[in-house]
Structure formats: C-alpha cells, structure tokens
Amino acid sequence: MDAVTKRLRTLARKWDGDIKEVAHNTFYKRTRGEHDPDFYPCPFFYNMGIYWVGKTILFTGVGSWTTAIHEMGHIFASKYPPSSLKTDEFSFIGWEYTLAKYVKGDIDMWHLHMKDYGVGVGDQFEYGQLPLPKRDKWLEGRVAVATKNKLIIDGIPQAIR
C-alpha cells in the first residue's frame, strides 16, 4: 500500500470505515460466482470496490489512491449508495479534490486520473477535455458546492455519514 493510500486509510478509520487489501480470490468472489449484493465493484477500476453500508473499500493487487478517493466520496461524502438515483457525484467531486490535496497526493496525477470523468460542460464532456482555465473554474465551483453542503469545513474534508 503506497503512502497516500495509507493516509487515506487512516482517515477512513477515523471516520469509522477502512481501506483493505485482500487476496485476489477473496475479491473476485464478490463480483463473480458468489455475487455479494452489498458489494459495489468500481466500474472503471476492476481491482477495487466498496461496501457502502460497512464504509469499507476493498482492493486487490495494485490499488489506485485516486480511485480510492473517488470511492471514499461515495462512502463518506454521499448519503446515498452508488446504486441510488439520488446519488449526485457532482456534489462531492470538490470534496474529492480537496481530499487529494489534504492527504498530500500528487495533484497532477489526480487530474490525470480524472481525465475520463464525465462533466458535461458545454461541448466538453470529459474532465480531460476541458481547457485548464475552464477546468479550474469548474472545479472551483464544485469545491464551493461541497463547502456549502458542509463536506468541506475550513478547507478540511468531512465525513457526513
């Protein structure tokens, strides 16, 4: 587990959750064969998934701290599970960005890993398509929304569940 993921795990534990590395066969039993309805596999990172109710991220093999941050958004910055139509990822993406900075992640890497994230701003539909000034303005707006929703207080990401 890399240093940033360890810092994320410390924070997850502070918020009554966890980030755990598990064996391949243990992980894949949750997504194939012995399907676990309480487990949400990441659609774009096949070695990671979450137990929303249990506030736990599981990964196998090489984990991605950038993906872990997004999954932490589902767990700690949303009142609804990923499968709910009420889940609004745009409401917590500013929280994710703030969390990446808070745990001293490489922000350039975070931006790079966000490149395929759908944003639907004008004629640019993916984060990586946004010109830098437009991207920064969009992200500033998302941080403002997260702050308004008390997901960020005094620049520090908060858990709301």
N, C-alpha and C. Protein backbone atom coordinates (compact mmCIF):
# COMPACT_ATOMS: atom_id res chain seq x y z
N MET A 1 0.86 -1.18 0.00
CA MET A 1 0.00 0.00 0.00
C MET A 1 0.91 1.24 0.00
N ASP A 2 0.67 2.15 -0.94
CA ASP A 2 1.52 3.35 -1.03
C ASP A 2 1.20 4.33 0.10
N ALA A 3 2.06 5.33 0.26
CA ALA A 3 1.94 6.28 1.37
C ALA A 3 0.64 7.08 1.34
N VAL A 4 0.18 7.48 0.16
CA VAL A 4 -1.06 8.26 0.09
C VAL A 4 -2.25 7.38 0.48
N THR A 5 -2.27 6.15 0.01
CA THR A 5 -3.36 5.24 0.38
C THR A 5 -3.35 4.97 1.88
N LYS A 6 -2.17 4.89 2.48
CA LYS A 6 -2.08 4.71 3.94
C LYS A 6 -2.68 5.91 4.66
N ARG A 7 -2.42 7.11 4.16
CA ARG A 7 -3.02 8.30 4.78
C ARG A 7 -4.53 8.29 4.60
N LEU A 8 -4.99 7.84 3.44
CA LEU A 8 -6.44 7.72 3.22
C LEU A 8 -7.04 6.69 4.17
N ARG A 9 -6.35 5.58 4.35
CA ARG A 9 -6.86 4.54 5.26
C ARG A 9 -6.96 5.08 6.69
N THR A 10 -5.96 5.84 7.12
CA THR A 10 -6.01 6.45 8.46
C THR A 10 -7.24 7.33 8.60
N LEU A 11 -7.52 8.12 7.58
CA LEU A 11 -8.69 8.99 7.60
C LEU A 11 -9.98 8.17 7.56
N ALA A 12 -10.03 7.15 6.71
CA ALA A 12 -11.22 6.28 6.65
C ALA A 12 -11.49 5.65 8.01
N ARG A 13 -10.45 5.21 8.69
CA ARG A 13 -10.63 4.61 10.02
C ARG A 13 -11.12 5.64 11.03
N LYS A 14 -10.62 6.87 10.91
CA LYS A 14 -11.10 7.95 11.78
C LYS A 14 -12.60 8.16 11.58
N TRP A 15 -13.06 7.94 10.36
CA TRP A 15 -14.47 8.10 10.02
C TRP A 15 -15.25 6.79 10.14
N ASP A 16 -14.75 5.84 10.92
CA ASP A 16 -15.39 4.53 11.16
C ASP A 16 -15.52 3.68 9.91
N GLY A 17 -14.56 3.80 9.00
CA GLY A 17 -14.51 2.97 7.80
C GLY A 17 -13.14 2.32 7.69
N ASP A 18 -12.81 1.86 6.48
CA ASP A 18 -11.50 1.24 6.29
C ASP A 18 -11.19 1.12 4.80
N ILE A 19 -9.93 0.92 4.51
CA ILE A 19 -9.45 0.55 3.19
C ILE A 19 -8.61 -0.70 3.40
N LYS A 20 -8.99 -1.79 2.74
CA LYS A 20 -8.33 -3.08 2.98
C LYS A 20 -7.86 -3.71 1.67
N GLU A 21 -6.65 -4.22 1.71
CA GLU A 21 -6.16 -5.02 0.59
C GLU A 21 -6.50 -6.47 0.89
N VAL A 22 -7.08 -7.16 -0.09
CA VAL A 22 -7.47 -8.56 0.09
C VAL A 22 -6.89 -9.40 -1.04
N ALA A 23 -6.87 -10.70 -0.83
CA ALA A 23 -6.37 -11.63 -1.84
C ALA A 23 -7.28 -11.61 -3.07
N HIS A 24 -6.69 -11.91 -4.23
CA HIS A 24 -7.45 -11.92 -5.49
C HIS A 24 -8.71 -12.77 -5.40
N ASN A 25 -8.57 -14.02 -4.91
CA ASN A 25 -9.73 -14.91 -4.88
C ASN A 25 -10.82 -14.39 -3.95
N THR A 26 -10.44 -13.76 -2.85
CA THR A 26 -11.42 -13.17 -1.94
C THR A 26 -12.16 -12.03 -2.62
N PHE A 27 -11.42 -11.19 -3.34
CA PHE A 27 -12.03 -10.06 -4.02
C PHE A 27 -12.96 -10.52 -5.12
N TYR A 28 -12.49 -11.42 -5.97
CA TYR A 28 -13.28 -11.80 -7.14
C TYR A 28 -14.50 -12.64 -6.80
N LYS A 29 -14.53 -13.27 -5.64
CA LYS A 29 -15.74 -13.98 -5.21
C LYS A 29 -16.90 -13.00 -5.05
N ARG A 30 -16.58 -11.75 -4.75
CA ARG A 30 -17.63 -10.75 -4.54
C ARG A 30 -18.23 -10.27 -5.85
N THR A 31 -17.52 -10.44 -6.94
CA THR A 31 -18.00 -9.93 -8.22
C THR A 31 -18.40 -11.02 -9.20
N ARG A 32 -17.98 -12.23 -8.92
CA ARG A 32 -18.30 -13.35 -9.82
C ARG A 32 -18.67 -14.58 -8.99
N GLY A 33 -19.55 -15.37 -9.48
CA GLY A 33 -19.90 -16.62 -8.79
C GLY A 33 -20.70 -16.36 -7.55
N GLU A 34 -20.03 -16.08 -6.45
CA GLU A 34 -20.69 -15.83 -5.17
C GLU A 34 -20.99 -14.33 -5.05
N HIS A 35 -21.79 -13.82 -5.97
CA HIS A 35 -22.07 -12.38 -6.02
C HIS A 35 -22.60 -11.89 -4.68
N ASP A 36 -22.06 -10.80 -4.22
CA ASP A 36 -22.44 -10.19 -2.96
C ASP A 36 -23.22 -8.91 -3.28
N PRO A 37 -24.53 -8.87 -3.01
CA PRO A 37 -25.34 -7.71 -3.39
C PRO A 37 -24.99 -6.43 -2.64
N ASP A 38 -24.25 -6.54 -1.54
CA ASP A 38 -23.86 -5.35 -0.77
C ASP A 38 -22.54 -4.77 -1.23
N PHE A 39 -21.91 -5.42 -2.21
CA PHE A 39 -20.60 -5.00 -2.70
C PHE A 39 -20.77 -4.29 -4.04
N TYR A 40 -20.18 -3.12 -4.16
CA TYR A 40 -20.23 -2.33 -5.39
C TYR A 40 -18.85 -2.30 -6.04
N PRO A 41 -18.62 -3.09 -7.09
CA PRO A 41 -17.32 -3.03 -7.76
C PRO A 41 -17.18 -1.73 -8.55
N CYS A 42 -15.98 -1.21 -8.60
CA CYS A 42 -15.73 0.02 -9.38
C CYS A 42 -15.89 -0.30 -10.85
N PRO A 43 -16.64 0.51 -11.57
CA PRO A 43 -16.86 0.22 -12.99
C PRO A 43 -15.63 0.48 -13.88
N PHE A 44 -14.71 1.33 -13.42
CA PHE A 44 -13.57 1.66 -14.26
C PHE A 44 -12.24 1.18 -13.71
N PHE A 45 -12.26 0.59 -12.53
CA PHE A 45 -11.03 0.07 -11.92
C PHE A 45 -11.39 -1.28 -11.33
N TYR A 46 -11.05 -2.31 -12.04
CA TYR A 46 -11.60 -3.64 -11.74
C TYR A 46 -11.01 -4.33 -10.53
N ASN A 47 -10.05 -3.72 -9.88
CA ASN A 47 -9.44 -4.32 -8.70
C ASN A 47 -9.91 -3.66 -7.41
N MET A 48 -11.00 -2.88 -7.47
CA MET A 48 -11.46 -2.15 -6.29
C MET A 48 -12.98 -2.14 -6.26
N GLY A 49 -13.50 -2.09 -5.05
CA GLY A 49 -14.93 -1.98 -4.86
C GLY A 49 -15.22 -1.55 -3.44
N ILE A 50 -16.50 -1.31 -3.15
CA ILE A 50 -16.85 -0.81 -1.82
C ILE A 50 -18.02 -1.57 -1.20
N TYR A 51 -17.98 -1.61 0.11
CA TYR A 51 -19.14 -1.95 0.93
C TYR A 51 -19.63 -0.61 1.47
N TRP A 52 -20.69 -0.08 0.85
CA TRP A 52 -21.18 1.24 1.24
C TRP A 52 -21.67 1.23 2.68
N VAL A 53 -22.48 0.24 3.03
CA VAL A 53 -23.02 0.17 4.39
C VAL A 53 -21.89 0.03 5.41
N GLY A 54 -20.92 -0.82 5.12
CA GLY A 54 -19.80 -1.04 6.04
C GLY A 54 -18.69 -0.02 5.93
N LYS A 55 -18.85 0.97 5.04
CA LYS A 55 -17.86 2.05 4.88
C LYS A 55 -16.46 1.50 4.61
N THR A 56 -16.37 0.51 3.75
CA THR A 56 -15.09 -0.14 3.50
C THR A 56 -14.80 -0.24 2.01
N ILE A 57 -13.56 0.10 1.66
CA ILE A 57 -13.06 -0.08 0.30
C ILE A 57 -12.18 -1.32 0.32
N LEU A 58 -12.40 -2.21 -0.63
CA LEU A 58 -11.54 -3.38 -0.82
C LEU A 58 -10.80 -3.23 -2.13
N PHE A 59 -9.55 -3.64 -2.15
CA PHE A 59 -8.82 -3.70 -3.41
C PHE A 59 -7.90 -4.90 -3.39
N THR A 60 -7.52 -5.33 -4.57
CA THR A 60 -6.59 -6.43 -4.71
C THR A 60 -5.53 -6.04 -5.71
N GLY A 61 -4.32 -6.53 -5.51
CA GLY A 61 -3.23 -6.16 -6.41
C GLY A 61 -2.84 -4.72 -6.21
N VAL A 62 -2.55 -4.04 -7.27
CA VAL A 62 -2.13 -2.65 -7.20
C VAL A 62 -3.35 -1.76 -7.05
N GLY A 63 -3.42 -1.01 -5.98
CA GLY A 63 -4.52 -0.08 -5.77
C GLY A 63 -4.19 1.28 -6.34
N SER A 64 -5.17 2.08 -6.54
CA SER A 64 -5.00 3.43 -7.05
C SER A 64 -5.57 4.40 -6.02
N TRP A 65 -4.72 5.23 -5.44
CA TRP A 65 -5.22 6.16 -4.43
C TRP A 65 -6.21 7.15 -5.04
N THR A 66 -6.06 7.46 -6.32
CA THR A 66 -7.01 8.37 -6.95
C THR A 66 -8.40 7.74 -7.04
N THR A 67 -8.45 6.45 -7.35
CA THR A 67 -9.72 5.73 -7.38
C THR A 67 -10.27 5.57 -5.97
N ALA A 68 -9.39 5.31 -5.01
CA ALA A 68 -9.82 5.18 -3.62
C ALA A 68 -10.50 6.47 -3.15
N ILE A 69 -9.95 7.61 -3.56
CA ILE A 69 -10.56 8.88 -3.17
C ILE A 69 -11.98 8.99 -3.74
N HIS A 70 -12.15 8.61 -4.99
CA HIS A 70 -13.49 8.67 -5.57
C HIS A 70 -14.46 7.75 -4.81
N GLU A 71 -13.99 6.55 -4.51
CA GLU A 71 -14.85 5.61 -3.77
C GLU A 71 -15.12 6.11 -2.36
N MET A 72 -14.15 6.78 -1.76
CA MET A 72 -14.39 7.39 -0.44
C MET A 72 -15.48 8.45 -0.54
N GLY A 73 -15.55 9.14 -1.68
CA GLY A 73 -16.63 10.10 -1.88
C GLY A 73 -17.99 9.44 -1.78
N HIS A 74 -18.12 8.27 -2.40
CA HIS A 74 -19.39 7.53 -2.31
C HIS A 74 -19.69 7.14 -0.87
N ILE A 75 -18.67 6.75 -0.14
CA ILE A 75 -18.87 6.24 1.22
C ILE A 75 -19.07 7.35 2.24
N PHE A 76 -18.22 8.38 2.20
CA PHE A 76 -18.21 9.37 3.28
C PHE A 76 -18.83 10.72 2.92
N ALA A 77 -19.00 11.00 1.62
CA ALA A 77 -19.49 12.32 1.22
C ALA A 77 -20.85 12.24 0.52
N SER A 78 -21.49 11.10 0.58
CA SER A 78 -22.81 10.94 -0.02
C SER A 78 -23.72 10.20 0.96
N LYS A 79 -24.94 10.64 1.04
CA LYS A 79 -25.91 9.98 1.92
C LYS A 79 -26.58 8.79 1.25
N TYR A 80 -26.24 8.57 -0.04
CA TYR A 80 -26.90 7.52 -0.80
C TYR A 80 -25.88 6.57 -1.40
N PRO A 81 -26.22 5.27 -1.48
CA PRO A 81 -25.30 4.30 -2.09
C PRO A 81 -25.13 4.57 -3.58
N PRO A 82 -24.06 4.06 -4.17
CA PRO A 82 -23.79 4.30 -5.59
C PRO A 82 -24.94 3.90 -6.52
N SER A 83 -25.73 2.92 -6.13
CA SER A 83 -26.82 2.45 -7.00
C SER A 83 -28.06 3.33 -6.93
N SER A 84 -28.11 4.26 -5.99
CA SER A 84 -29.29 5.10 -5.82
C SER A 84 -29.35 6.17 -6.90
N LEU A 85 -30.55 6.42 -7.38
CA LEU A 85 -30.75 7.51 -8.34
C LEU A 85 -30.54 8.87 -7.69
N LYS A 86 -30.51 8.90 -6.36
CA LYS A 86 -30.29 10.15 -5.63
C LYS A 86 -28.81 10.49 -5.50
N THR A 87 -27.94 9.55 -5.85
CA THR A 87 -26.51 9.81 -5.77
C THR A 87 -26.14 10.90 -6.77
N ASP A 88 -25.46 11.93 -6.30
CA ASP A 88 -25.05 13.04 -7.15
C ASP A 88 -23.54 13.22 -7.01
N GLU A 89 -22.80 12.58 -7.89
CA GLU A 89 -21.34 12.62 -7.80
C GLU A 89 -20.79 14.04 -7.96
N PHE A 90 -21.48 14.87 -8.71
CA PHE A 90 -21.01 16.25 -8.86
C PHE A 90 -21.04 17.00 -7.53
N SER A 91 -21.89 16.56 -6.60
CA SER A 91 -21.97 17.24 -5.31
C SER A 91 -20.74 16.96 -4.44
N PHE A 92 -20.01 15.88 -4.75
CA PHE A 92 -18.84 15.59 -3.91
C PHE A 92 -17.51 15.54 -4.64
N ILE A 93 -17.46 15.90 -5.90
CA ILE A 93 -16.18 15.89 -6.60
C ILE A 93 -15.24 16.98 -6.06
N GLY A 94 -15.78 18.10 -5.61
CA GLY A 94 -14.95 19.12 -4.96
C GLY A 94 -14.35 18.60 -3.67
N TRP A 95 -15.10 17.76 -2.97
CA TRP A 95 -14.62 17.10 -1.76
C TRP A 95 -13.45 16.18 -2.11
N GLU A 96 -13.58 15.44 -3.23
CA GLU A 96 -12.51 14.54 -3.66
C GLU A 96 -11.23 15.31 -3.93
N TYR A 97 -11.35 16.41 -4.65
CA TYR A 97 -10.18 17.24 -4.98
C TYR A 97 -9.53 17.77 -3.69
N THR A 98 -10.35 18.25 -2.77
CA THR A 98 -9.85 18.76 -1.50
C THR A 98 -9.18 17.65 -0.70
N LEU A 99 -9.76 16.46 -0.73
CA LEU A 99 -9.17 15.32 -0.03
C LEU A 99 -7.82 14.95 -0.64
N ALA A 100 -7.71 14.97 -1.96
CA ALA A 100 -6.44 14.66 -2.61
C ALA A 100 -5.34 15.61 -2.14
N LYS A 101 -5.67 16.89 -2.04
CA LYS A 101 -4.70 17.87 -1.54
C LYS A 101 -4.42 17.66 -0.06
N TYR A 102 -5.46 17.35 0.71
CA TYR A 102 -5.34 17.19 2.17
C TYR A 102 -4.40 16.04 2.54
N VAL A 103 -4.45 14.95 1.77
CA VAL A 103 -3.58 13.80 2.07
C VAL A 103 -2.24 13.88 1.32
N LYS A 104 -2.00 15.04 0.71
CA LYS A 104 -0.74 15.31 0.00
C LYS A 104 -0.50 14.36 -1.18
N GLY A 105 -1.60 14.09 -1.90
CA GLY A 105 -1.47 13.32 -3.14
C GLY A 105 -0.91 14.20 -4.24
N ASP A 106 -0.35 13.59 -5.24
CA ASP A 106 0.18 14.31 -6.40
C ASP A 106 -1.03 14.83 -7.19
N ILE A 107 -1.28 16.13 -7.12
CA ILE A 107 -2.48 16.70 -7.73
C ILE A 107 -2.46 16.55 -9.25
N ASP A 108 -1.29 16.62 -9.86
CA ASP A 108 -1.21 16.39 -11.30
C ASP A 108 -1.67 14.98 -11.65
N MET A 109 -1.32 14.01 -10.79
CA MET A 109 -1.76 12.63 -11.01
C MET A 109 -3.28 12.53 -10.83
N TRP A 110 -3.80 13.22 -9.83
CA TRP A 110 -5.26 13.22 -9.61
C TRP A 110 -5.97 13.75 -10.86
N HIS A 111 -5.50 14.90 -11.38
CA HIS A 111 -6.10 15.46 -12.59
C HIS A 111 -6.03 14.46 -13.75
N LEU A 112 -4.88 13.81 -13.92
CA LEU A 112 -4.69 12.84 -15.00
C LEU A 112 -5.68 11.68 -14.87
N HIS A 113 -5.85 11.17 -13.67
CA HIS A 113 -6.77 10.04 -13.46
C HIS A 113 -8.23 10.45 -13.61
N MET A 114 -8.50 11.74 -13.54
CA MET A 114 -9.87 12.24 -13.70
C MET A 114 -10.22 12.46 -15.17
N LYS A 115 -9.29 12.28 -16.08
CA LYS A 115 -9.47 12.70 -17.48
C LYS A 115 -10.72 12.15 -18.14
N ASP A 116 -11.17 10.96 -17.79
CA ASP A 116 -12.35 10.35 -18.42
C ASP A 116 -13.64 10.60 -17.65
N TYR A 117 -13.54 11.34 -16.57
CA TYR A 117 -14.72 11.61 -15.73
C TYR A 117 -15.68 12.52 -16.50
N GLY A 118 -16.91 12.12 -16.61
CA GLY A 118 -17.91 12.90 -17.34
C GLY A 118 -18.32 14.15 -16.59
N VAL A 119 -18.18 15.30 -17.23
CA VAL A 119 -18.55 16.56 -16.60
C VAL A 119 -19.65 17.30 -17.35
N GLY A 120 -19.76 17.09 -18.65
CA GLY A 120 -20.82 17.71 -19.44
C GLY A 120 -20.83 19.23 -19.38
N VAL A 121 -19.66 19.86 -19.54
CA VAL A 121 -19.58 21.32 -19.53
C VAL A 121 -19.50 21.80 -20.98
N GLY A 122 -20.56 22.43 -21.45
CA GLY A 122 -20.58 22.90 -22.84
C GLY A 122 -20.39 21.74 -23.80
N ASP A 123 -19.44 21.87 -24.69
CA ASP A 123 -19.19 20.78 -25.65
C ASP A 123 -18.07 19.85 -25.19
N GLN A 124 -17.52 20.09 -23.99
CA GLN A 124 -16.53 19.18 -23.41
C GLN A 124 -17.25 18.29 -22.39
N PHE A 125 -17.24 17.00 -22.65
CA PHE A 125 -18.00 16.11 -21.78
C PHE A 125 -17.13 15.31 -20.82
N GLU A 126 -15.84 15.39 -20.99
CA GLU A 126 -14.95 14.70 -20.06
C GLU A 126 -13.98 15.70 -19.47
N TYR A 127 -13.64 15.46 -18.22
CA TYR A 127 -12.76 16.35 -17.46
C TYR A 127 -11.48 16.66 -18.24
N GLY A 128 -10.88 15.65 -18.83
CA GLY A 128 -9.63 15.82 -19.55
C GLY A 128 -9.75 16.67 -20.81
N GLN A 129 -10.96 16.89 -21.30
CA GLN A 129 -11.17 17.72 -22.49
C GLN A 129 -11.24 19.21 -22.15
N LEU A 130 -11.45 19.53 -20.88
CA LEU A 130 -11.61 20.92 -20.50
C LEU A 130 -10.28 21.67 -20.59
N PRO A 131 -10.25 22.83 -21.24
CA PRO A 131 -9.04 23.66 -21.19
C PRO A 131 -8.77 24.04 -19.73
N LEU A 132 -7.52 24.22 -19.37
CA LEU A 132 -7.16 24.46 -17.97
C LEU A 132 -7.97 25.57 -17.29
N PRO A 133 -8.13 26.75 -17.88
CA PRO A 133 -8.93 27.77 -17.18
C PRO A 133 -10.37 27.32 -16.93
N LYS A 134 -10.96 26.66 -17.90
CA LYS A 134 -12.34 26.17 -17.75
C LYS A 134 -12.41 25.05 -16.70
N ARG A 135 -11.42 24.16 -16.73
CA ARG A 135 -11.35 23.07 -15.75
C ARG A 135 -11.24 23.64 -14.34
N ASP A 136 -10.33 24.60 -14.16
CA ASP A 136 -10.11 25.16 -12.83
C ASP A 136 -11.36 25.90 -12.33
N LYS A 137 -12.04 26.60 -13.22
CA LYS A 137 -13.28 27.30 -12.83
C LYS A 137 -14.37 26.29 -12.47
N TRP A 138 -14.50 25.23 -13.26
CA TRP A 138 -15.49 24.19 -12.97
C TRP A 138 -15.19 23.55 -11.62
N LEU A 139 -13.92 23.23 -11.38
CA LEU A 139 -13.53 22.59 -10.13
C LEU A 139 -13.74 23.53 -8.94
N GLU A 140 -13.45 24.79 -9.13
CA GLU A 140 -13.69 25.79 -8.07
C GLU A 140 -15.17 25.81 -7.70
N GLY A 141 -16.04 25.71 -8.69
CA GLY A 141 -17.47 25.64 -8.43
C GLY A 141 -17.87 24.40 -7.67
N ARG A 142 -17.24 23.28 -7.99
CA ARG A 142 -17.54 22.03 -7.29
C ARG A 142 -17.07 22.08 -5.83
N VAL A 143 -15.92 22.72 -5.58
CA VAL A 143 -15.44 22.90 -4.21
C VAL A 143 -16.41 23.80 -3.45
N ALA A 144 -16.93 24.83 -4.10
CA ALA A 144 -17.90 25.72 -3.46
C ALA A 144 -19.17 24.96 -3.07
N VAL A 145 -19.64 24.08 -3.95
CA VAL A 145 -20.83 23.28 -3.65
C VAL A 145 -20.55 22.36 -2.46
N ALA A 146 -19.40 21.70 -2.47
CA ALA A 146 -19.05 20.80 -1.35
C ALA A 146 -18.92 21.58 -0.05
N THR A 147 -18.40 22.78 -0.12
CA THR A 147 -18.27 23.62 1.07
C THR A 147 -19.66 24.04 1.56
N LYS A 148 -20.52 24.45 0.64
CA LYS A 148 -21.89 24.84 1.00
C LYS A 148 -22.63 23.67 1.67
N ASN A 149 -22.37 22.45 1.19
CA ASN A 149 -23.02 21.26 1.73
C ASN A 149 -22.32 20.70 2.97
N LYS A 150 -21.34 21.46 3.47
CA LYS A 150 -20.59 21.11 4.68
C LYS A 150 -19.77 19.82 4.54
N LEU A 151 -19.41 19.50 3.29
CA LEU A 151 -18.49 18.39 3.06
C LEU A 151 -17.05 18.85 3.29
N ILE A 152 -16.85 20.16 3.22
CA ILE A 152 -15.55 20.77 3.48
C ILE A 152 -15.79 21.90 4.47
N ILE A 153 -15.05 21.89 5.57
CA ILE A 153 -15.15 22.95 6.58
C ILE A 153 -13.75 23.45 6.85
N ASP A 154 -13.54 24.73 6.67
CA ASP A 154 -12.21 25.35 6.85
C ASP A 154 -11.15 24.65 6.03
N GLY A 155 -11.52 24.23 4.82
CA GLY A 155 -10.58 23.59 3.91
C GLY A 155 -10.29 22.13 4.21
N ILE A 156 -11.01 21.55 5.16
CA ILE A 156 -10.77 20.16 5.56
C ILE A 156 -11.98 19.30 5.16
N PRO A 157 -11.73 18.21 4.42
CA PRO A 157 -12.85 17.33 4.04
C PRO A 157 -13.47 16.68 5.28
N GLN A 158 -14.78 16.56 5.24
CA GLN A 158 -15.54 15.99 6.36
C GLN A 158 -16.29 14.74 5.90
N ALA A 159 -16.60 13.87 6.83
CA ALA A 159 -17.46 12.71 6.55
C ALA A 159 -18.87 13.08 7.02
N ILE A 160 -19.87 12.80 6.18
CA ILE A 160 -21.25 13.12 6.58
C ILE A 160 -22.05 11.88 6.96
N ARG A 161 -21.40 10.74 6.92
CA ARG A 161 -22.08 9.52 7.39
C ARG A 161 -21.06 8.56 7.98
